[in-house]
Amino acid sequence: MKKINKNKIEEFIRVDHAGERGAIKIYEGQLLALNTIVKDEKLKKKIEEMQLHEREHCNYFENEIKKRSIKPTKFLPLWDLLGVGLGFGSTLLGKKATMLCTASVEEVIDEHYQNQIEQINDDEKDLKNKIVKFRDDELHHKDIAYEEGATKDGLYSVMDKIIKTGSRIAIRISEKI
């Protein structure tokens, strides 16, 4: 297997850090709506549980950024704002939209992490193992979202496409800048 270059590993860590932080911000927005406007304690508990995983993931990538002296994406403040807005807005639309937001993001992250796993060699075994574990966590979040009512029926299919397109754009930008 061809050795992956250092710049590619730095891109992976930078974008994964941004993505995990973005997930935290989406959940923050959802919890903000659930704590102020939409009252659903069961949904709030599910989101808080998923957010804990995202914090673990983000902390790992935060440490890797520091350890390897990688510059985070310059777009973090924008991603933070958009994440909170997406989370808040999706929750105002109801439980199905809230859960679809999670499912749509996790489906993109599944593809993204799988692509990285296929490229990372044994010289970065620790990083690869973490990404495999985090991907499993994200797939679990997706399953929870569908169990809790996420749907792509009707207009929800438009929402799914918008969220996935936005997520893919954020990934491409965060890899490079």
N, C-alpha and C. Protein backbone atom coordinates (compact mmCIF):
# COMPACT_ATOMS: atom_id res chain seq x y z
N MET A 1 0.84 -1.18 0.00
CA MET A 1 0.00 0.00 0.00
C MET A 1 0.89 1.24 0.00
N LYS A 2 0.55 2.19 -0.84
CA LYS A 2 1.31 3.42 -0.96
C LYS A 2 1.17 4.27 0.30
N LYS A 3 2.30 4.82 0.75
CA LYS A 3 2.27 5.66 1.94
C LYS A 3 1.54 6.97 1.64
N ILE A 4 0.63 7.33 2.53
CA ILE A 4 -0.14 8.57 2.39
C ILE A 4 0.73 9.73 2.87
N ASN A 5 0.68 10.85 2.16
CA ASN A 5 1.57 11.94 2.53
C ASN A 5 1.05 12.73 3.73
N LYS A 6 1.98 13.45 4.36
CA LYS A 6 1.70 14.21 5.58
C LYS A 6 0.61 15.26 5.36
N ASN A 7 0.61 15.91 4.20
CA ASN A 7 -0.41 16.94 3.92
C ASN A 7 -1.82 16.35 3.91
N LYS A 8 -1.93 15.13 3.38
CA LYS A 8 -3.24 14.48 3.33
C LYS A 8 -3.73 14.16 4.75
N ILE A 9 -2.84 13.68 5.58
CA ILE A 9 -3.19 13.38 6.98
C ILE A 9 -3.61 14.67 7.68
N GLU A 10 -2.90 15.76 7.41
CA GLU A 10 -3.27 17.05 8.01
C GLU A 10 -4.65 17.49 7.54
N GLU A 11 -4.95 17.29 6.26
CA GLU A 11 -6.30 17.60 5.74
C GLU A 11 -7.35 16.78 6.47
N PHE A 12 -7.08 15.48 6.64
CA PHE A 12 -8.03 14.60 7.32
C PHE A 12 -8.32 15.11 8.73
N ILE A 13 -7.27 15.44 9.46
CA ILE A 13 -7.44 15.87 10.85
C ILE A 13 -8.14 17.23 10.90
N ARG A 14 -7.75 18.14 10.03
CA ARG A 14 -8.38 19.47 10.01
C ARG A 14 -9.89 19.36 9.72
N VAL A 15 -10.25 18.60 8.71
CA VAL A 15 -11.66 18.50 8.32
C VAL A 15 -12.44 17.70 9.36
N ASP A 16 -11.85 16.67 9.93
CA ASP A 16 -12.55 15.88 10.93
C ASP A 16 -12.79 16.70 12.20
N HIS A 17 -11.82 17.51 12.56
CA HIS A 17 -11.99 18.41 13.70
C HIS A 17 -13.15 19.36 13.44
N ALA A 18 -13.17 19.97 12.26
CA ALA A 18 -14.24 20.90 11.91
C ALA A 18 -15.60 20.20 11.90
N GLY A 19 -15.63 18.99 11.37
CA GLY A 19 -16.88 18.24 11.28
C GLY A 19 -17.43 17.84 12.64
N GLU A 20 -16.56 17.37 13.51
CA GLU A 20 -17.01 16.98 14.84
C GLU A 20 -17.45 18.21 15.64
N ARG A 21 -16.73 19.30 15.47
CA ARG A 21 -17.15 20.54 16.13
C ARG A 21 -18.49 21.01 15.56
N GLY A 22 -18.65 20.87 14.25
CA GLY A 22 -19.91 21.23 13.62
C GLY A 22 -21.07 20.40 14.17
N ALA A 23 -20.83 19.12 14.39
CA ALA A 23 -21.88 18.25 14.95
C ALA A 23 -22.27 18.73 16.35
N ILE A 24 -21.28 19.10 17.14
CA ILE A 24 -21.57 19.63 18.48
C ILE A 24 -22.45 20.88 18.36
N LYS A 25 -22.12 21.75 17.41
CA LYS A 25 -22.88 23.00 17.24
C LYS A 25 -24.30 22.72 16.76
N ILE A 26 -24.47 21.75 15.88
CA ILE A 26 -25.83 21.38 15.44
C ILE A 26 -26.64 20.94 16.65
N TYR A 27 -26.04 20.07 17.47
CA TYR A 27 -26.75 19.61 18.66
C TYR A 27 -27.00 20.76 19.64
N GLU A 28 -26.05 21.69 19.75
CA GLU A 28 -26.27 22.86 20.60
C GLU A 28 -27.49 23.65 20.13
N GLY A 29 -27.61 23.83 18.82
CA GLY A 29 -28.76 24.53 18.27
C GLY A 29 -30.06 23.79 18.55
N GLN A 30 -30.02 22.46 18.40
CA GLN A 30 -31.21 21.67 18.67
C GLN A 30 -31.59 21.77 20.15
N LEU A 31 -30.59 21.70 21.02
CA LEU A 31 -30.87 21.79 22.45
C LEU A 31 -31.36 23.18 22.84
N LEU A 32 -30.85 24.19 22.18
CA LEU A 32 -31.34 25.55 22.43
C LEU A 32 -32.84 25.64 22.13
N ALA A 33 -33.23 25.10 20.99
CA ALA A 33 -34.66 25.10 20.64
C ALA A 33 -35.47 24.25 21.62
N LEU A 34 -34.91 23.11 22.02
CA LEU A 34 -35.62 22.21 22.93
C LEU A 34 -35.73 22.79 24.34
N ASN A 35 -34.80 23.64 24.71
CA ASN A 35 -34.81 24.26 26.04
C ASN A 35 -35.64 25.54 26.10
N THR A 36 -35.98 26.09 24.93
CA THR A 36 -36.67 27.38 24.93
C THR A 36 -38.06 27.35 24.29
N ILE A 37 -38.19 26.70 23.16
CA ILE A 37 -39.44 26.79 22.39
C ILE A 37 -40.14 25.45 22.30
N VAL A 38 -39.41 24.43 21.90
CA VAL A 38 -39.97 23.10 21.69
C VAL A 38 -39.69 22.27 22.94
N LYS A 39 -40.71 21.78 23.57
CA LYS A 39 -40.51 20.99 24.80
C LYS A 39 -40.72 19.51 24.49
N ASP A 40 -39.60 18.76 24.49
CA ASP A 40 -39.65 17.32 24.26
C ASP A 40 -38.47 16.72 25.02
N GLU A 41 -38.72 16.33 26.25
CA GLU A 41 -37.65 15.83 27.14
C GLU A 41 -36.99 14.56 26.61
N LYS A 42 -37.79 13.68 26.01
CA LYS A 42 -37.24 12.42 25.47
C LYS A 42 -36.27 12.72 24.32
N LEU A 43 -36.66 13.59 23.43
CA LEU A 43 -35.79 13.97 22.31
C LEU A 43 -34.54 14.68 22.82
N LYS A 44 -34.73 15.56 23.79
CA LYS A 44 -33.60 16.29 24.39
C LYS A 44 -32.57 15.30 24.95
N LYS A 45 -33.04 14.27 25.65
CA LYS A 45 -32.13 13.28 26.23
C LYS A 45 -31.35 12.54 25.13
N LYS A 46 -32.02 12.16 24.05
CA LYS A 46 -31.34 11.47 22.93
C LYS A 46 -30.25 12.35 22.34
N ILE A 47 -30.57 13.62 22.14
CA ILE A 47 -29.61 14.54 21.53
C ILE A 47 -28.43 14.76 22.47
N GLU A 48 -28.69 14.89 23.75
CA GLU A 48 -27.60 15.06 24.71
C GLU A 48 -26.66 13.85 24.70
N GLU A 49 -27.21 12.65 24.58
CA GLU A 49 -26.40 11.43 24.52
C GLU A 49 -25.52 11.42 23.27
N MET A 50 -26.10 11.78 22.12
CA MET A 50 -25.32 11.79 20.87
C MET A 50 -24.25 12.88 20.94
N GLN A 51 -24.59 14.01 21.54
CA GLN A 51 -23.63 15.11 21.64
C GLN A 51 -22.39 14.70 22.45
N LEU A 52 -22.58 13.84 23.45
CA LEU A 52 -21.43 13.36 24.23
C LEU A 52 -20.41 12.65 23.35
N HIS A 53 -20.88 11.82 22.43
CA HIS A 53 -19.96 11.15 21.49
C HIS A 53 -19.22 12.18 20.65
N GLU A 54 -19.96 13.18 20.17
CA GLU A 54 -19.33 14.20 19.33
C GLU A 54 -18.25 14.97 20.09
N ARG A 55 -18.49 15.20 21.37
CA ARG A 55 -17.47 15.87 22.20
C ARG A 55 -16.21 15.01 22.31
N GLU A 56 -16.40 13.71 22.50
CA GLU A 56 -15.25 12.80 22.56
C GLU A 56 -14.47 12.85 21.25
N HIS A 57 -15.17 12.80 20.13
CA HIS A 57 -14.53 12.84 18.82
C HIS A 57 -13.79 14.16 18.63
N CYS A 58 -14.47 15.25 18.94
CA CYS A 58 -13.88 16.58 18.74
C CYS A 58 -12.63 16.74 19.61
N ASN A 59 -12.69 16.28 20.85
CA ASN A 59 -11.54 16.38 21.75
C ASN A 59 -10.33 15.64 21.19
N TYR A 60 -10.58 14.47 20.61
CA TYR A 60 -9.48 13.71 20.00
C TYR A 60 -8.83 14.53 18.88
N PHE A 61 -9.64 15.07 17.97
CA PHE A 61 -9.08 15.83 16.85
C PHE A 61 -8.47 17.15 17.31
N GLU A 62 -9.03 17.75 18.34
CA GLU A 62 -8.44 18.96 18.92
C GLU A 62 -7.03 18.67 19.43
N ASN A 63 -6.87 17.54 20.11
CA ASN A 63 -5.55 17.13 20.59
C ASN A 63 -4.59 16.83 19.45
N GLU A 64 -5.09 16.19 18.39
CA GLU A 64 -4.24 15.90 17.23
C GLU A 64 -3.78 17.19 16.55
N ILE A 65 -4.66 18.16 16.45
CA ILE A 65 -4.31 19.44 15.85
C ILE A 65 -3.17 20.10 16.63
N LYS A 66 -3.29 20.08 17.94
CA LYS A 66 -2.24 20.68 18.79
C LYS A 66 -0.95 19.88 18.70
N LYS A 67 -1.05 18.57 18.85
CA LYS A 67 0.12 17.69 18.85
C LYS A 67 0.91 17.78 17.55
N ARG A 68 0.20 17.89 16.43
CA ARG A 68 0.84 17.88 15.12
C ARG A 68 1.04 19.29 14.54
N SER A 69 0.66 20.30 15.30
CA SER A 69 0.78 21.71 14.85
C SER A 69 0.07 21.94 13.52
N ILE A 70 -1.18 21.51 13.45
CA ILE A 70 -2.01 21.69 12.26
C ILE A 70 -2.89 22.91 12.49
N LYS A 71 -3.00 23.74 11.48
CA LYS A 71 -3.90 24.88 11.60
C LYS A 71 -5.34 24.41 11.37
N PRO A 72 -6.25 24.76 12.29
CA PRO A 72 -7.66 24.42 12.05
C PRO A 72 -8.19 25.20 10.86
N THR A 73 -9.31 24.79 10.33
CA THR A 73 -9.90 25.53 9.23
C THR A 73 -10.20 26.96 9.65
N LYS A 74 -9.99 27.88 8.75
CA LYS A 74 -10.29 29.29 9.02
C LYS A 74 -11.80 29.54 9.07
N PHE A 75 -12.56 28.57 8.68
CA PHE A 75 -14.02 28.72 8.60
C PHE A 75 -14.74 28.28 9.88
N LEU A 76 -14.00 27.92 10.94
CA LEU A 76 -14.66 27.45 12.17
C LEU A 76 -15.75 28.40 12.67
N PRO A 77 -15.50 29.72 12.73
CA PRO A 77 -16.58 30.60 13.22
C PRO A 77 -17.84 30.54 12.35
N LEU A 78 -17.67 30.44 11.05
CA LEU A 78 -18.83 30.34 10.16
C LEU A 78 -19.53 29.01 10.35
N TRP A 79 -18.75 27.92 10.42
CA TRP A 79 -19.35 26.59 10.61
C TRP A 79 -20.11 26.55 11.95
N ASP A 80 -19.54 27.20 12.99
CA ASP A 80 -20.22 27.24 14.30
C ASP A 80 -21.60 27.89 14.15
N LEU A 81 -21.61 29.03 13.51
CA LEU A 81 -22.86 29.78 13.33
C LEU A 81 -23.87 28.98 12.51
N LEU A 82 -23.41 28.42 11.39
CA LEU A 82 -24.31 27.65 10.54
C LEU A 82 -24.80 26.38 11.24
N GLY A 83 -23.93 25.75 12.02
CA GLY A 83 -24.32 24.54 12.75
C GLY A 83 -25.42 24.82 13.77
N VAL A 84 -25.22 25.87 14.57
CA VAL A 84 -26.24 26.22 15.55
C VAL A 84 -27.55 26.58 14.83
N GLY A 85 -27.45 27.33 13.75
CA GLY A 85 -28.65 27.71 12.99
C GLY A 85 -29.36 26.51 12.41
N LEU A 86 -28.60 25.57 11.84
CA LEU A 86 -29.20 24.36 11.28
C LEU A 86 -29.89 23.55 12.37
N GLY A 87 -29.22 23.38 13.49
CA GLY A 87 -29.81 22.62 14.59
C GLY A 87 -31.08 23.27 15.12
N PHE A 88 -31.02 24.57 15.36
CA PHE A 88 -32.16 25.31 15.88
C PHE A 88 -33.32 25.26 14.89
N GLY A 89 -33.02 25.57 13.63
CA GLY A 89 -34.06 25.61 12.61
C GLY A 89 -34.71 24.25 12.37
N SER A 90 -33.90 23.20 12.33
CA SER A 90 -34.47 21.87 12.09
C SER A 90 -35.39 21.47 13.24
N THR A 91 -35.05 21.86 14.44
CA THR A 91 -35.86 21.50 15.60
C THR A 91 -37.18 22.26 15.61
N LEU A 92 -37.16 23.50 15.14
CA LEU A 92 -38.40 24.26 15.05
C LEU A 92 -39.38 23.61 14.07
N LEU A 93 -38.85 22.86 13.11
CA LEU A 93 -39.69 22.19 12.12
C LEU A 93 -40.31 20.90 12.64
N GLY A 94 -39.88 20.45 13.81
CA GLY A 94 -40.47 19.25 14.40
C GLY A 94 -39.48 18.11 14.55
N LYS A 95 -39.95 17.07 15.22
CA LYS A 95 -39.09 15.93 15.54
C LYS A 95 -38.55 15.22 14.30
N LYS A 96 -39.40 15.03 13.28
CA LYS A 96 -38.93 14.36 12.06
C LYS A 96 -37.79 15.13 11.41
N ALA A 97 -37.93 16.45 11.36
CA ALA A 97 -36.88 17.30 10.76
C ALA A 97 -35.62 17.29 11.63
N THR A 98 -35.80 17.30 12.94
CA THR A 98 -34.66 17.25 13.86
C THR A 98 -33.86 15.98 13.61
N MET A 99 -34.56 14.87 13.55
CA MET A 99 -33.89 13.59 13.37
C MET A 99 -33.35 13.42 11.95
N LEU A 100 -34.04 13.99 10.97
CA LEU A 100 -33.51 13.94 9.60
C LEU A 100 -32.20 14.71 9.51
N CYS A 101 -32.11 15.82 10.21
CA CYS A 101 -30.86 16.59 10.23
C CYS A 101 -29.71 15.68 10.66
N THR A 102 -29.90 14.95 11.75
CA THR A 102 -28.87 14.02 12.22
C THR A 102 -28.60 12.95 11.18
N ALA A 103 -29.64 12.32 10.65
CA ALA A 103 -29.46 11.23 9.69
C ALA A 103 -28.72 11.71 8.44
N SER A 104 -29.09 12.86 7.92
CA SER A 104 -28.48 13.39 6.69
C SER A 104 -26.99 13.67 6.90
N VAL A 105 -26.67 14.32 8.00
CA VAL A 105 -25.25 14.62 8.29
C VAL A 105 -24.48 13.33 8.47
N GLU A 106 -25.04 12.39 9.23
CA GLU A 106 -24.32 11.14 9.51
C GLU A 106 -24.11 10.31 8.24
N GLU A 107 -25.03 10.37 7.30
CA GLU A 107 -24.83 9.63 6.04
C GLU A 107 -23.66 10.20 5.25
N VAL A 108 -23.50 11.51 5.27
CA VAL A 108 -22.34 12.12 4.61
C VAL A 108 -21.06 11.76 5.35
N ILE A 109 -21.10 11.80 6.67
CA ILE A 109 -19.91 11.49 7.48
C ILE A 109 -19.51 10.02 7.31
N ASP A 110 -20.49 9.15 7.19
CA ASP A 110 -20.20 7.74 6.94
C ASP A 110 -19.34 7.59 5.69
N GLU A 111 -19.77 8.19 4.59
CA GLU A 111 -19.00 8.14 3.33
C GLU A 111 -17.61 8.76 3.52
N HIS A 112 -17.59 9.91 4.17
CA HIS A 112 -16.36 10.66 4.38
C HIS A 112 -15.34 9.84 5.19
N TYR A 113 -15.78 9.30 6.32
CA TYR A 113 -14.88 8.51 7.16
C TYR A 113 -14.45 7.22 6.45
N GLN A 114 -15.37 6.58 5.74
CA GLN A 114 -15.01 5.35 5.03
C GLN A 114 -13.92 5.64 3.99
N ASN A 115 -14.03 6.75 3.29
CA ASN A 115 -13.02 7.16 2.32
C ASN A 115 -11.66 7.33 3.00
N GLN A 116 -11.65 7.97 4.16
CA GLN A 116 -10.39 8.17 4.89
C GLN A 116 -9.82 6.83 5.36
N ILE A 117 -10.67 5.98 5.89
CA ILE A 117 -10.22 4.67 6.40
C ILE A 117 -9.52 3.89 5.29
N GLU A 118 -10.05 3.96 4.07
CA GLU A 118 -9.47 3.24 2.94
C GLU A 118 -8.12 3.82 2.52
N GLN A 119 -7.86 5.08 2.84
CA GLN A 119 -6.61 5.73 2.44
C GLN A 119 -5.50 5.68 3.49
N ILE A 120 -5.86 5.54 4.75
CA ILE A 120 -4.87 5.61 5.83
C ILE A 120 -4.16 4.27 5.98
N ASN A 121 -2.83 4.34 6.03
CA ASN A 121 -1.99 3.14 6.14
C ASN A 121 -1.68 2.82 7.60
N ASP A 122 -0.94 1.73 7.78
CA ASP A 122 -0.60 1.27 9.12
C ASP A 122 0.35 2.21 9.86
N ASP A 123 1.03 3.10 9.15
CA ASP A 123 1.91 4.04 9.84
C ASP A 123 1.10 5.08 10.63
N GLU A 124 -0.20 5.12 10.39
CA GLU A 124 -1.12 5.99 11.14
C GLU A 124 -2.23 5.13 11.75
N LYS A 125 -1.81 4.00 12.32
CA LYS A 125 -2.77 3.02 12.84
C LYS A 125 -3.69 3.61 13.92
N ASP A 126 -3.13 4.41 14.82
CA ASP A 126 -3.92 5.00 15.91
C ASP A 126 -5.02 5.91 15.35
N LEU A 127 -4.65 6.76 14.40
CA LEU A 127 -5.61 7.64 13.76
C LEU A 127 -6.69 6.82 13.06
N LYS A 128 -6.27 5.82 12.31
CA LYS A 128 -7.21 4.98 11.58
C LYS A 128 -8.20 4.29 12.53
N ASN A 129 -7.69 3.74 13.63
CA ASN A 129 -8.54 3.05 14.59
C ASN A 129 -9.57 4.01 15.21
N LYS A 130 -9.14 5.22 15.49
CA LYS A 130 -10.07 6.22 16.04
C LYS A 130 -11.16 6.55 15.03
N ILE A 131 -10.78 6.74 13.78
CA ILE A 131 -11.77 7.07 12.75
C ILE A 131 -12.75 5.91 12.56
N VAL A 132 -12.27 4.68 12.63
CA VAL A 132 -13.16 3.51 12.54
C VAL A 132 -14.16 3.54 13.69
N LYS A 133 -13.68 3.80 14.91
CA LYS A 133 -14.56 3.86 16.07
C LYS A 133 -15.57 4.99 15.93
N PHE A 134 -15.08 6.17 15.52
CA PHE A 134 -15.97 7.33 15.39
C PHE A 134 -17.02 7.08 14.31
N ARG A 135 -16.62 6.42 13.22
CA ARG A 135 -17.59 6.09 12.16
C ARG A 135 -18.68 5.19 12.72
N ASP A 136 -18.29 4.22 13.53
CA ASP A 136 -19.29 3.34 14.15
C ASP A 136 -20.27 4.14 15.02
N ASP A 137 -19.73 5.10 15.78
CA ASP A 137 -20.59 5.96 16.60
C ASP A 137 -21.56 6.75 15.72
N GLU A 138 -21.07 7.27 14.62
CA GLU A 138 -21.91 8.08 13.72
C GLU A 138 -23.00 7.21 13.09
N LEU A 139 -22.67 5.98 12.73
CA LEU A 139 -23.67 5.08 12.17
C LEU A 139 -24.75 4.76 13.22
N HIS A 140 -24.33 4.66 14.47
CA HIS A 140 -25.28 4.45 15.56
C HIS A 140 -26.22 5.65 15.69
N HIS A 141 -25.66 6.86 15.56
CA HIS A 141 -26.49 8.08 15.61
C HIS A 141 -27.51 8.08 14.47
N LYS A 142 -27.06 7.67 13.29
CA LYS A 142 -27.97 7.60 12.14
C LYS A 142 -29.11 6.62 12.42
N ASP A 143 -28.77 5.46 12.99
CA ASP A 143 -29.80 4.47 13.32
C ASP A 143 -30.80 5.03 14.34
N ILE A 144 -30.29 5.73 15.34
CA ILE A 144 -31.16 6.36 16.34
C ILE A 144 -32.09 7.35 15.65
N ALA A 145 -31.54 8.14 14.74
CA ALA A 145 -32.35 9.15 14.05
C ALA A 145 -33.52 8.51 13.31
N TYR A 146 -33.27 7.42 12.61
CA TYR A 146 -34.36 6.74 11.88
C TYR A 146 -35.34 6.07 12.85
N GLU A 147 -34.82 5.50 13.94
CA GLU A 147 -35.71 4.91 14.94
C GLU A 147 -36.62 5.96 15.56
N GLU A 148 -36.12 7.20 15.65
CA GLU A 148 -36.86 8.29 16.28
C GLU A 148 -37.72 9.09 15.30
N GLY A 149 -37.78 8.64 14.04
CA GLY A 149 -38.74 9.25 13.13
C GLY A 149 -38.19 10.00 11.92
N ALA A 150 -36.87 10.01 11.72
CA ALA A 150 -36.33 10.66 10.53
C ALA A 150 -36.96 10.05 9.29
N THR A 151 -37.27 10.90 8.32
CA THR A 151 -37.89 10.43 7.09
C THR A 151 -37.40 11.29 5.93
N LYS A 152 -37.43 10.72 4.74
CA LYS A 152 -37.10 11.47 3.53
C LYS A 152 -38.33 11.57 2.62
N ASP A 153 -39.48 11.33 3.19
CA ASP A 153 -40.73 11.43 2.43
C ASP A 153 -41.07 12.89 2.14
N GLY A 154 -41.68 13.10 1.00
CA GLY A 154 -42.19 14.43 0.66
C GLY A 154 -41.12 15.51 0.68
N LEU A 155 -41.44 16.63 1.29
CA LEU A 155 -40.51 17.76 1.33
C LEU A 155 -39.26 17.48 2.16
N TYR A 156 -39.33 16.47 3.01
CA TYR A 156 -38.13 16.10 3.78
C TYR A 156 -36.99 15.69 2.85
N SER A 157 -37.33 15.18 1.66
CA SER A 157 -36.27 14.80 0.71
C SER A 157 -35.48 16.03 0.25
N VAL A 158 -36.15 17.17 0.16
CA VAL A 158 -35.47 18.42 -0.20
C VAL A 158 -34.53 18.83 0.93
N MET A 159 -35.03 18.75 2.14
CA MET A 159 -34.20 19.09 3.31
C MET A 159 -32.97 18.19 3.37
N ASP A 160 -33.15 16.90 3.11
CA ASP A 160 -32.05 15.95 3.10
C ASP A 160 -30.98 16.37 2.09
N LYS A 161 -31.41 16.71 0.89
CA LYS A 161 -30.46 17.11 -0.16
C LYS A 161 -29.73 18.40 0.20
N ILE A 162 -30.43 19.36 0.77
CA ILE A 162 -29.80 20.63 1.16
C ILE A 162 -28.75 20.39 2.25
N ILE A 163 -29.10 19.61 3.27
CA ILE A 163 -28.16 19.34 4.36
C ILE A 163 -26.94 18.58 3.85
N LYS A 164 -27.17 17.57 3.01
CA LYS A 164 -26.05 16.79 2.49
C LYS A 164 -25.14 17.64 1.59
N THR A 165 -25.73 18.46 0.75
CA THR A 165 -24.93 19.33 -0.12
C THR A 165 -24.11 20.30 0.72
N GLY A 166 -24.73 20.92 1.70
CA GLY A 166 -24.02 21.84 2.58
C GLY A 166 -22.90 21.14 3.33
N SER A 167 -23.14 19.94 3.80
CA SER A 167 -22.12 19.18 4.53
C SER A 167 -20.94 18.85 3.62
N ARG A 168 -21.23 18.44 2.40
CA ARG A 168 -20.14 18.11 1.46
C ARG A 168 -19.32 19.34 1.09
N ILE A 169 -19.98 20.46 0.92
CA ILE A 169 -19.26 21.71 0.62
C ILE A 169 -18.36 22.08 1.80
N ALA A 170 -18.88 22.00 3.01
CA ALA A 170 -18.10 22.32 4.20
C ALA A 170 -16.88 21.40 4.32
N ILE A 171 -17.06 20.13 3.98
CA ILE A 171 -15.94 19.18 4.01
C ILE A 171 -14.85 19.62 3.04
N ARG A 172 -15.23 19.90 1.80
CA ARG A 172 -14.24 20.27 0.77
C ARG A 172 -13.48 21.54 1.17
N ILE A 173 -14.20 22.52 1.66
CA ILE A 173 -13.55 23.78 2.07
C ILE A 173 -12.62 23.54 3.24
N SER A 174 -13.09 22.81 4.25
CA SER A 174 -12.33 22.61 5.47
C SER A 174 -11.07 21.77 5.25
N GLU A 175 -11.08 20.93 4.24
CA GLU A 175 -9.87 20.15 3.94
C GLU A 175 -8.71 21.07 3.55
N LYS A 176 -9.05 22.14 2.81
CA LYS A 176 -8.01 22.96 2.19
C LYS A 176 -7.71 24.27 2.91
N ILE A 177 -8.72 24.84 3.56
CA ILE A 177 -8.55 26.19 4.11
C ILE A 177 -8.77 26.19 5.62
